[in-house]
Amino acid sequence: AQAESVINSLGIVEDQDGENGSTDDANLHVELNVFRAQWMSELKPNSASNGGNRGLSSRAADLKRKQELAREEKARELFLKAVEEEENGAVYEAIKYYRRAMQIVPDIEFKINYSRSPDPDGGNENDMDGEIEDLLAYFHQQLTLQDNSLKICVPEVDIAQMHISALPPEVLMYIFRWVVSRDLDLRALEQLSLVCRGFYICARDPEIWRSACLRAWGRSCTKLVPFNSWREMFLERPRVRFDGVYISKTAYIRQGEESLDGFYRAWHQVEYYRYLRFFPDGQVMMLTTPEDPLVTVPRLRSRNTRVESIMCGHYRLSQDTDNQTKVFVVVSKRKEEKVAEYQRISRFCRRNPAAPETEHSFHVGLQLSSGGRQSFNKLNWIHHSCHITYRSTGETVVTAFDLDQMYASFYFARVKSYTAFSERPL
């Protein structure tokens, strides 16, 4: 802008002195060209200085990154020091280190790598700091052999009583089978394996998991293929769960009768539940009731429950070619309930009514699936029908129900009291 103003002023001077002759015009043109050349020469150092500024900015950015890395490294050392102090029980010292680390880098907790570097003096134990591929083989190597027998565990402190490690392995494995029980409480077995390395080895005994698979699927699991172990088969092969109950809740709105004066008509919200309790021996209980699960679930613990209108029967698993596992259930009322109902009817009738000539049974088809974190926790309806068999003729009449919104899916709910006691070993 300054250069343009100077040029304009020179142009004005040129116009005013145009009458002085050609010599003055030539001088003005020379001065103007000199000014322009000087102006262009001043622009070149400025462009070089801009390039220098860009170089300075890049060096400043590199320096800033190095400073950030240094601060993060310092905060990481303080955070790991705090973790170590907390593990040693020095909570007050740990809080001070935590505070200093977060003052340097506020989100250091999410940037830290908790894997510790290997100790150069550790020898072969360095390989065990990372992930151990075969933990069972590693524990076998760690346990010592004494008197040609595998020593399961050793007491941590000296005790006067007899320690469990003194039991023979056969007795200890029998105790483990009691832990699993006939109800297949494999969750308790997994928790028991966390006690020590010896218990971990016992809890991975193939015979226990093979017995559990045979009880869950029967003769259909004689082959281990495509699984690598019986434990893998039990954990990954689709099956119904026994440590809880499957619950289905149905809710709808129904129109009521019109009032006597005709001014309004009531609407009712109806809610009821369906319960399915499976047992490892192939038995199943089914109950439809409006009572809340908090009231009903404890009553379904035993298969000899006295809940009215409960239906009992059997089930089987079927896996089709599309790898979809289906559960087929057949249930009916108990015989004692039929006799009690017959006696109630005869009490109010003048003549003895004829014995019931029909038998009712309900056939249910469900598709097993997984949802969320849990496995095999959902059952979807695929079939529901009522079979009426006439004793006199042996004829069976089948009535199939349409599956609509009234057939909500079953969702599994684990119940701790179902596996709190063991009645028989596995």
Protein backbone atom coordinates (compact mmCIF):
# COMPACT_ATOMS: atom_id res chain seq x y z
CA ALA A 1 0.00 0.00 0.00
CA GLN A 2 2.86 2.36 0.83
CA ALA A 3 4.51 1.56 -2.49
CA GLU A 4 1.31 2.28 -4.39
CA SER A 5 0.91 5.64 -2.65
CA VAL A 6 4.49 6.57 -3.57
CA ILE A 7 3.86 5.56 -7.17
CA ASN A 8 0.69 7.61 -7.28
CA SER A 9 2.52 10.62 -5.83
CA LEU A 10 5.21 10.25 -8.44
CA GLY A 11 2.54 10.07 -11.10
CA ILE A 12 1.05 13.34 -9.80
CA VAL A 13 4.46 14.98 -9.83
CA GLU A 14 4.97 13.71 -13.37
CA ASP A 15 1.74 15.36 -14.48
CA GLN A 16 2.59 18.69 -12.83
CA ASP A 17 6.12 18.90 -14.31
CA GLY A 18 5.19 17.61 -17.72
CA GLU A 19 5.74 21.11 -19.09
CA ASN A 20 9.43 21.29 -18.07
CA GLY A 21 10.57 19.24 -20.99
CA SER A 22 11.68 15.81 -21.96
CA THR A 23 14.72 15.80 -19.63
CA ASP A 24 12.56 15.97 -16.54
CA ASP A 25 10.33 13.13 -17.86
CA ALA A 26 13.34 10.92 -18.37
CA ASN A 27 14.57 11.59 -14.83
CA LEU A 28 11.20 10.75 -13.36
CA HIS A 29 11.02 7.47 -15.28
CA VAL A 30 14.50 6.56 -14.05
CA GLU A 31 13.56 7.31 -10.43
CA LEU A 32 10.34 5.32 -10.83
CA ASN A 33 12.18 2.28 -12.20
CA VAL A 34 14.76 2.51 -9.40
CA PHE A 35 11.98 2.58 -6.81
CA ARG A 36 10.25 -0.38 -8.37
CA ALA A 37 13.48 -2.39 -8.43
CA GLN A 38 14.16 -1.55 -4.77
CA TRP A 39 10.61 -2.50 -3.87
CA MET A 40 10.91 -5.90 -5.60
CA SER A 41 14.24 -6.56 -3.91
CA GLU A 42 12.63 -5.94 -0.52
CA LEU A 43 9.90 -8.46 -1.23
CA LYS A 44 12.33 -11.37 -1.76
CA PRO A 45 13.82 -11.38 1.78
CA ASN A 46 10.27 -11.29 3.18
CA SER A 47 9.38 -14.51 1.31
CA ALA A 48 12.53 -16.15 2.62
CA SER A 49 11.67 -15.05 6.10
CA ASN A 50 8.19 -16.64 5.68
CA GLY A 51 9.86 -19.94 4.82
CA GLY A 52 12.02 -19.52 7.89
CA ASN A 53 8.91 -18.94 9.96
CA ARG A 54 7.40 -22.17 8.67
CA GLY A 55 10.58 -23.98 9.61
CA LEU A 56 10.47 -22.44 13.06
CA SER A 57 6.81 -23.47 13.48
CA SER A 58 7.59 -27.09 12.52
CA ARG A 59 10.51 -27.17 14.96
CA ALA A 60 8.24 -25.72 17.65
CA ALA A 61 5.63 -28.42 16.93
CA ASP A 62 8.28 -31.13 17.21
CA LEU A 63 9.48 -29.67 20.47
CA LYS A 64 5.93 -29.55 21.78
CA ARG A 65 5.38 -33.21 20.89
CA LYS A 66 8.57 -34.18 22.64
CA GLN A 67 7.50 -32.28 25.72
CA GLU A 68 4.11 -34.02 25.68
CA LEU A 69 5.78 -37.42 25.39
CA ALA A 70 8.08 -36.56 28.26
CA ARG A 71 5.14 -35.47 30.42
CA GLU A 72 3.22 -38.63 29.53
CA GLU A 73 6.22 -40.80 30.39
CA LYS A 74 6.62 -39.03 33.72
CA ALA A 75 2.91 -39.40 34.47
CA ARG A 76 3.11 -43.09 33.51
CA GLU A 77 5.96 -43.70 35.96
CA LEU A 78 4.04 -41.96 38.74
CA PHE A 79 0.85 -43.90 37.97
CA LEU A 80 2.61 -47.27 37.98
CA LYS A 81 4.31 -46.28 41.22
CA ALA A 82 0.90 -45.51 42.68
CA VAL A 83 -0.42 -48.91 41.56
CA GLU A 84 2.52 -50.62 43.22
CA GLU A 85 2.00 -48.70 46.46
CA GLU A 86 -1.69 -49.56 46.44
CA GLU A 87 -0.91 -53.26 45.99
CA ASN A 88 1.48 -53.06 48.95
CA GLY A 89 -1.22 -51.53 51.12
CA ALA A 90 0.18 -47.97 51.24
CA VAL A 91 -3.03 -46.28 50.17
CA TYR A 92 -2.02 -42.80 51.36
CA GLU A 93 1.20 -42.86 49.35
CA ALA A 94 -0.67 -44.24 46.34
CA ILE A 95 -3.14 -41.34 46.43
CA LYS A 96 -0.27 -38.84 46.34
CA TYR A 97 1.27 -40.52 43.28
CA TYR A 98 -2.12 -40.78 41.59
CA ARG A 99 -2.71 -37.07 42.15
CA ARG A 100 0.69 -36.05 40.79
CA ALA A 101 0.24 -38.24 37.71
CA MET A 102 -3.20 -36.82 36.93
CA GLN A 103 -1.96 -33.26 37.40
CA ILE A 104 0.57 -33.86 34.63
CA VAL A 105 -1.75 -35.83 32.29
CA PRO A 106 -5.43 -35.84 33.38
CA ASP A 107 -6.36 -38.90 31.26
CA ILE A 108 -3.24 -40.95 32.01
CA GLU A 109 -5.42 -43.81 33.29
CA PHE A 110 -6.68 -44.49 29.75
CA LYS A 111 -3.26 -44.13 28.10
CA ILE A 112 -1.30 -46.39 30.41
CA ASN A 113 -0.16 -49.89 29.50
CA TYR A 114 -0.43 -52.15 32.53
CA SER A 115 1.77 -54.90 31.13
CA ARG A 116 5.05 -54.84 32.99
CA SER A 117 8.37 -55.12 31.23
CA PRO A 118 10.19 -58.44 31.74
CA ASP A 119 12.81 -58.68 34.43
CA PRO A 120 16.21 -59.41 32.86
CA ASP A 121 17.21 -61.44 35.92
CA GLY A 122 14.10 -63.58 35.85
CA GLY A 123 15.42 -66.39 33.67
CA ASN A 124 12.79 -68.66 32.15
CA GLU A 125 10.02 -67.07 34.21
CA ASN A 126 9.99 -64.12 31.82
CA ASP A 127 7.96 -66.13 29.35
CA MET A 128 5.17 -66.42 31.92
CA ASP A 129 4.65 -62.67 32.34
CA GLY A 130 2.58 -62.54 29.17
CA GLU A 131 -0.38 -64.63 28.17
CA ILE A 132 0.09 -68.33 28.84
CA GLU A 133 -1.32 -70.36 26.01
CA ASP A 134 -1.74 -73.65 27.88
CA LEU A 135 -2.34 -72.78 31.51
CA LEU A 136 -3.15 -76.37 32.43
CA ALA A 137 0.19 -77.66 31.18
CA TYR A 138 1.98 -74.82 32.94
CA PHE A 139 0.35 -75.70 36.28
CA HIS A 140 1.29 -79.34 35.77
CA GLN A 141 4.90 -78.28 35.42
CA GLN A 142 4.75 -76.07 38.50
CA LEU A 143 3.36 -78.74 40.79
CA THR A 144 5.95 -81.01 42.35
CA LEU A 145 5.91 -84.78 42.34
CA GLN A 146 6.30 -86.41 45.70
CA ASP A 147 6.25 -90.16 46.40
CA ASN A 148 5.29 -90.87 42.80
CA SER A 149 1.96 -89.10 43.27
CA LEU A 150 0.78 -85.69 42.18
CA LYS A 151 0.66 -83.27 45.07
CA ILE A 152 -2.52 -81.29 44.56
CA CYS A 153 -1.79 -78.40 46.93
CA VAL A 154 0.17 -77.44 50.02
CA PRO A 155 -1.01 -75.49 53.07
CA GLU A 156 -0.03 -71.83 53.06
CA VAL A 157 0.55 -71.78 56.82
CA ASP A 158 1.24 -74.51 59.34
CA ILE A 159 -1.98 -75.90 60.80
CA ALA A 160 -2.68 -78.52 63.44
CA GLN A 161 -5.66 -80.03 61.61
CA MET A 162 -5.47 -82.34 58.65
CA HIS A 163 -5.14 -80.38 55.42
CA ILE A 164 -7.23 -81.22 52.35
CA SER A 165 -4.04 -81.95 50.40
CA ALA A 166 -3.66 -85.13 52.47
CA LEU A 167 -6.74 -86.65 50.79
CA PRO A 168 -6.14 -89.11 47.95
CA PRO A 169 -6.87 -87.73 44.48
CA GLU A 170 -9.79 -90.14 44.06
CA VAL A 171 -11.54 -88.77 47.15
CA LEU A 172 -10.86 -85.20 46.08
CA MET A 173 -12.35 -85.85 42.64
CA TYR A 174 -15.42 -87.36 44.30
CA ILE A 175 -15.83 -84.14 46.28
CA PHE A 176 -15.62 -82.20 43.01
CA ARG A 177 -18.42 -84.35 41.60
CA TRP A 178 -20.53 -83.45 44.62
CA VAL A 179 -19.86 -79.79 43.88
CA VAL A 180 -21.13 -80.20 40.34
CA SER A 181 -24.03 -82.42 41.51
CA ARG A 182 -26.72 -83.95 39.32
CA ASP A 183 -28.00 -80.44 38.57
CA LEU A 184 -24.82 -79.67 36.57
CA ASP A 185 -23.68 -76.67 38.57
CA LEU A 186 -20.54 -76.10 36.49
CA ARG A 187 -20.38 -72.48 37.64
CA ALA A 188 -19.48 -73.70 41.14
CA LEU A 189 -16.79 -75.91 39.61
CA GLU A 190 -15.26 -72.93 37.81
CA GLN A 191 -15.25 -70.92 41.03
CA LEU A 192 -13.62 -73.83 42.85
CA SER A 193 -10.83 -73.86 40.29
CA LEU A 194 -9.79 -70.35 41.39
CA VAL A 195 -8.62 -71.62 44.80
CA CYS A 196 -5.20 -72.86 43.73
CA ARG A 197 -3.31 -74.49 40.88
CA GLY A 198 -4.11 -77.99 42.08
CA PHE A 199 -7.84 -77.29 42.19
CA TYR A 200 -7.57 -75.75 38.73
CA ILE A 201 -6.14 -79.03 37.41
CA CYS A 202 -8.84 -81.07 39.15
CA ALA A 203 -11.59 -78.82 37.79
CA ARG A 204 -10.31 -79.49 34.24
CA ASP A 205 -10.57 -83.26 34.63
CA PRO A 206 -11.97 -84.60 31.32
CA GLU A 207 -14.10 -87.25 33.03
CA ILE A 208 -16.09 -84.65 34.95
CA TRP A 209 -16.84 -82.65 31.82
CA ARG A 210 -17.60 -85.81 29.85
CA SER A 211 -20.13 -86.88 32.48
CA ALA A 212 -21.69 -83.42 32.35
CA CYS A 213 -22.01 -83.60 28.55
CA LEU A 214 -23.58 -87.05 28.70
CA ARG A 215 -26.11 -85.84 31.24
CA ALA A 216 -26.94 -82.75 29.22
CA TRP A 217 -27.27 -84.33 25.74
CA GLY A 218 -27.43 -88.05 26.42
CA ARG A 219 -26.28 -90.42 23.69
CA SER A 220 -26.10 -87.66 21.08
CA CYS A 221 -22.72 -86.45 22.36
CA THR A 222 -20.66 -89.62 22.03
CA LYS A 223 -18.31 -87.95 19.55
CA LEU A 224 -16.05 -85.10 20.58
CA VAL A 225 -15.63 -83.69 17.06
CA PRO A 226 -15.59 -80.76 16.21
CA PHE A 227 -14.65 -79.66 19.72
CA ASN A 228 -11.19 -80.00 21.22
CA SER A 229 -12.31 -81.03 24.70
CA TRP A 230 -15.42 -82.02 26.65
CA ARG A 231 -15.28 -78.73 28.50
CA GLU A 232 -15.32 -76.81 25.23
CA MET A 233 -18.31 -78.85 24.09
CA PHE A 234 -20.28 -78.11 27.26
CA LEU A 235 -19.55 -74.38 27.08
CA GLU A 236 -20.12 -73.82 23.36
CA ARG A 237 -22.66 -76.40 22.21
CA PRO A 238 -26.24 -75.02 22.38
CA ARG A 239 -28.21 -76.34 25.34
CA VAL A 240 -30.86 -75.23 27.78
CA ARG A 241 -29.70 -73.99 31.15
CA PHE A 242 -30.58 -75.66 34.44
CA ASP A 243 -29.43 -73.13 37.07
CA GLY A 244 -32.46 -70.90 36.70
CA VAL A 245 -35.79 -70.45 34.97
CA TYR A 246 -36.95 -69.10 31.61
CA ILE A 247 -39.57 -66.36 32.02
CA SER A 248 -41.94 -64.86 29.46
CA LYS A 249 -44.06 -61.80 30.27
CA THR A 250 -47.19 -60.98 28.27
CA ALA A 251 -49.10 -57.72 28.66
CA TYR A 252 -52.09 -56.42 26.72
CA ILE A 253 -55.07 -54.07 27.12
CA ARG A 254 -58.59 -55.47 27.06
CA GLN A 255 -61.83 -53.57 26.73
CA GLY A 256 -64.23 -54.05 29.63
CA GLU A 257 -67.98 -53.92 29.90
CA GLU A 258 -69.92 -50.72 29.67
CA SER A 259 -71.13 -49.16 32.91
CA LEU A 260 -74.77 -49.37 33.96
CA ASP A 261 -75.44 -45.72 33.21
CA GLY A 262 -73.65 -45.99 29.87
CA PHE A 263 -71.32 -43.06 30.48
CA TYR A 264 -68.00 -44.91 30.30
CA ARG A 265 -66.41 -48.21 29.38
CA ALA A 266 -63.52 -49.61 31.44
CA TRP A 267 -60.22 -50.75 29.98
CA HIS A 268 -58.15 -53.42 31.72
CA GLN A 269 -54.41 -53.98 31.49
CA VAL A 270 -53.73 -57.70 31.73
CA GLU A 271 -50.31 -59.10 32.65
CA TYR A 272 -49.32 -62.70 33.13
CA TYR A 273 -46.15 -64.80 33.08
CA ARG A 274 -45.08 -68.11 31.63
CA TYR A 275 -42.32 -70.07 33.39
CA LEU A 276 -40.20 -72.92 32.03
CA ARG A 277 -37.90 -74.89 34.33
CA PHE A 278 -35.65 -77.52 32.73
CA PHE A 279 -33.91 -80.40 34.50
CA PRO A 280 -30.86 -82.33 33.29
CA ASP A 281 -32.72 -85.67 33.22
CA GLY A 282 -35.08 -84.43 30.48
CA GLN A 283 -37.98 -83.32 32.68
CA VAL A 284 -39.55 -79.88 32.44
CA MET A 285 -42.14 -77.84 34.33
CA MET A 286 -44.34 -75.16 32.75
CA LEU A 287 -46.53 -72.70 34.61
CA THR A 288 -48.77 -69.86 33.48
CA THR A 289 -49.78 -67.46 36.25
CA PRO A 290 -50.34 -63.74 36.92
CA GLU A 291 -48.13 -63.87 40.02
CA ASP A 292 -44.87 -61.95 40.06
CA PRO A 293 -41.56 -63.83 39.61
CA LEU A 294 -40.51 -62.92 43.15
CA VAL A 295 -43.37 -65.11 44.40
CA THR A 296 -43.32 -67.86 41.80
CA VAL A 297 -39.62 -68.54 41.17
CA PRO A 298 -38.85 -69.92 44.69
CA ARG A 299 -41.72 -72.41 44.32
CA LEU A 300 -40.17 -73.92 41.20
CA ARG A 301 -36.98 -75.05 42.92
CA SER A 302 -38.11 -78.65 43.36
CA ARG A 303 -39.81 -80.80 40.77
CA ASN A 304 -42.17 -82.01 43.53
CA THR A 305 -43.67 -78.56 44.01
CA ARG A 306 -47.29 -78.21 45.06
CA VAL A 307 -48.09 -75.22 42.86
CA GLU A 308 -51.56 -75.50 41.40
CA SER A 309 -52.13 -75.64 37.64
CA ILE A 310 -48.49 -76.50 37.00
CA MET A 311 -47.83 -78.80 34.05
CA CYS A 312 -45.02 -81.33 33.91
CA GLY A 313 -43.55 -83.32 31.08
CA HIS A 314 -40.39 -83.91 29.10
CA TYR A 315 -38.32 -82.13 26.46
CA ARG A 316 -35.74 -82.93 23.82
CA LEU A 317 -33.19 -80.94 21.84
CA SER A 318 -33.00 -81.07 18.07
CA GLN A 319 -30.38 -79.49 15.83
CA ASP A 320 -31.39 -79.09 12.18
CA THR A 321 -29.19 -78.78 9.14
CA ASP A 322 -29.32 -74.97 9.40
CA ASN A 323 -27.49 -75.18 12.76
CA GLN A 324 -30.58 -73.92 14.58
CA THR A 325 -31.17 -75.68 17.90
CA LYS A 326 -34.81 -76.27 18.74
CA VAL A 327 -36.43 -77.41 21.99
CA PHE A 328 -39.60 -79.50 21.82
CA VAL A 329 -41.66 -79.69 25.02
CA VAL A 330 -44.65 -81.91 25.84
CA VAL A 331 -46.46 -81.14 29.10
CA SER A 332 -49.73 -82.07 30.77
CA LYS A 333 -51.39 -81.77 34.15
CA ARG A 334 -50.35 -84.07 36.94
CA LYS A 335 -52.44 -87.12 37.66
CA GLU A 336 -53.11 -86.15 41.26
CA GLU A 337 -54.48 -82.81 40.12
CA LYS A 338 -56.81 -84.59 37.71
CA VAL A 339 -58.08 -86.84 40.55
CA ALA A 340 -58.58 -83.85 42.86
CA GLU A 341 -60.52 -82.03 40.17
CA TYR A 342 -62.66 -85.12 39.60
CA GLN A 343 -63.45 -85.34 43.35
CA ARG A 344 -64.46 -81.67 43.49
CA ILE A 345 -66.88 -82.19 40.63
CA SER A 346 -68.40 -85.30 42.22
CA ARG A 347 -68.99 -83.44 45.47
CA PHE A 348 -71.30 -80.93 43.81
CA CYS A 349 -73.09 -83.45 41.60
CA ARG A 350 -76.00 -85.59 42.78
CA ARG A 351 -74.80 -88.54 40.78
CA ASN A 352 -71.25 -89.62 40.31
CA PRO A 353 -69.95 -88.20 37.05
CA ALA A 354 -68.21 -90.42 34.59
CA ALA A 355 -64.45 -90.61 34.74
CA PRO A 356 -62.71 -88.22 32.38
CA GLU A 357 -62.54 -89.78 28.95
CA THR A 358 -60.04 -87.33 27.46
CA GLU A 359 -56.43 -86.50 28.08
CA HIS A 360 -55.02 -83.08 27.27
CA SER A 361 -51.38 -82.43 26.46
CA PHE A 362 -49.66 -79.34 25.14
CA HIS A 363 -46.86 -79.44 22.58
CA VAL A 364 -44.51 -76.48 22.45
CA GLY A 365 -41.72 -75.79 19.97
CA LEU A 366 -39.03 -73.25 20.85
CA GLN A 367 -35.90 -72.01 19.13
CA LEU A 368 -32.81 -71.59 21.31
CA SER A 369 -30.64 -68.52 20.83
CA SER A 370 -28.23 -66.26 22.70
CA GLY A 371 -28.58 -62.59 23.47
CA GLY A 372 -26.31 -60.11 25.20
CA ARG A 373 -23.53 -61.43 27.39
CA GLN A 374 -25.21 -64.68 28.38
CA SER A 375 -25.32 -67.80 26.25
CA PHE A 376 -28.46 -69.78 25.40
CA ASN A 377 -30.65 -67.37 27.38
CA LYS A 378 -33.49 -66.84 24.91
CA LEU A 379 -36.30 -69.09 23.64
CA ASN A 380 -38.50 -68.00 20.74
CA TRP A 381 -41.87 -69.58 20.01
CA ILE A 382 -42.16 -71.59 16.82
CA HIS A 383 -45.09 -73.91 17.63
CA HIS A 384 -47.90 -74.35 20.18
CA SER A 385 -50.71 -76.87 19.98
CA CYS A 386 -53.14 -78.80 22.18
CA HIS A 387 -53.59 -82.56 21.74
CA ILE A 388 -56.85 -84.10 22.99
CA THR A 389 -56.90 -87.89 23.13
CA TYR A 390 -60.19 -89.78 23.57
CA ARG A 391 -59.69 -92.96 25.59
CA SER A 392 -62.69 -94.79 24.18
CA THR A 393 -61.61 -94.58 20.57
CA GLY A 394 -57.94 -93.65 20.89
CA GLU A 395 -58.48 -90.75 18.51
CA THR A 396 -56.36 -87.64 18.95
CA VAL A 397 -57.52 -84.19 17.91
CA VAL A 398 -54.82 -81.54 17.42
CA THR A 399 -55.57 -77.84 17.74
CA ALA A 400 -52.76 -75.51 16.70
CA PHE A 401 -52.63 -71.96 18.04
CA ASP A 402 -51.61 -68.96 15.99
CA LEU A 403 -48.43 -67.39 17.26
CA ASP A 404 -49.07 -63.68 17.65
CA GLN A 405 -47.90 -60.92 19.97
CA MET A 406 -49.34 -62.85 22.92
CA TYR A 407 -46.42 -65.28 22.65
CA ALA A 408 -43.51 -63.29 24.01
CA SER A 409 -40.03 -64.80 24.04
CA PHE A 410 -38.63 -66.52 27.11
CA TYR A 411 -35.55 -65.02 28.78
CA PHE A 412 -33.37 -66.88 31.22
CA ALA A 413 -32.95 -65.72 34.82
CA ARG A 414 -30.35 -67.39 36.99
CA VAL A 415 -31.55 -68.41 40.46
CA LYS A 416 -28.82 -69.07 43.02
CA SER A 417 -31.06 -71.09 45.33
CA TYR A 418 -31.59 -73.75 42.64
CA THR A 419 -27.95 -74.85 42.97
CA ALA A 420 -27.33 -73.99 46.62
CA PHE A 421 -27.58 -77.63 47.73
CA SER A 422 -26.36 -80.89 46.22
CA GLU A 423 -28.59 -83.90 46.63
CA ARG A 424 -26.55 -86.37 44.56
CA PRO A 425 -23.09 -86.30 42.98
CA LEU A 426 -22.52 -86.16 39.26
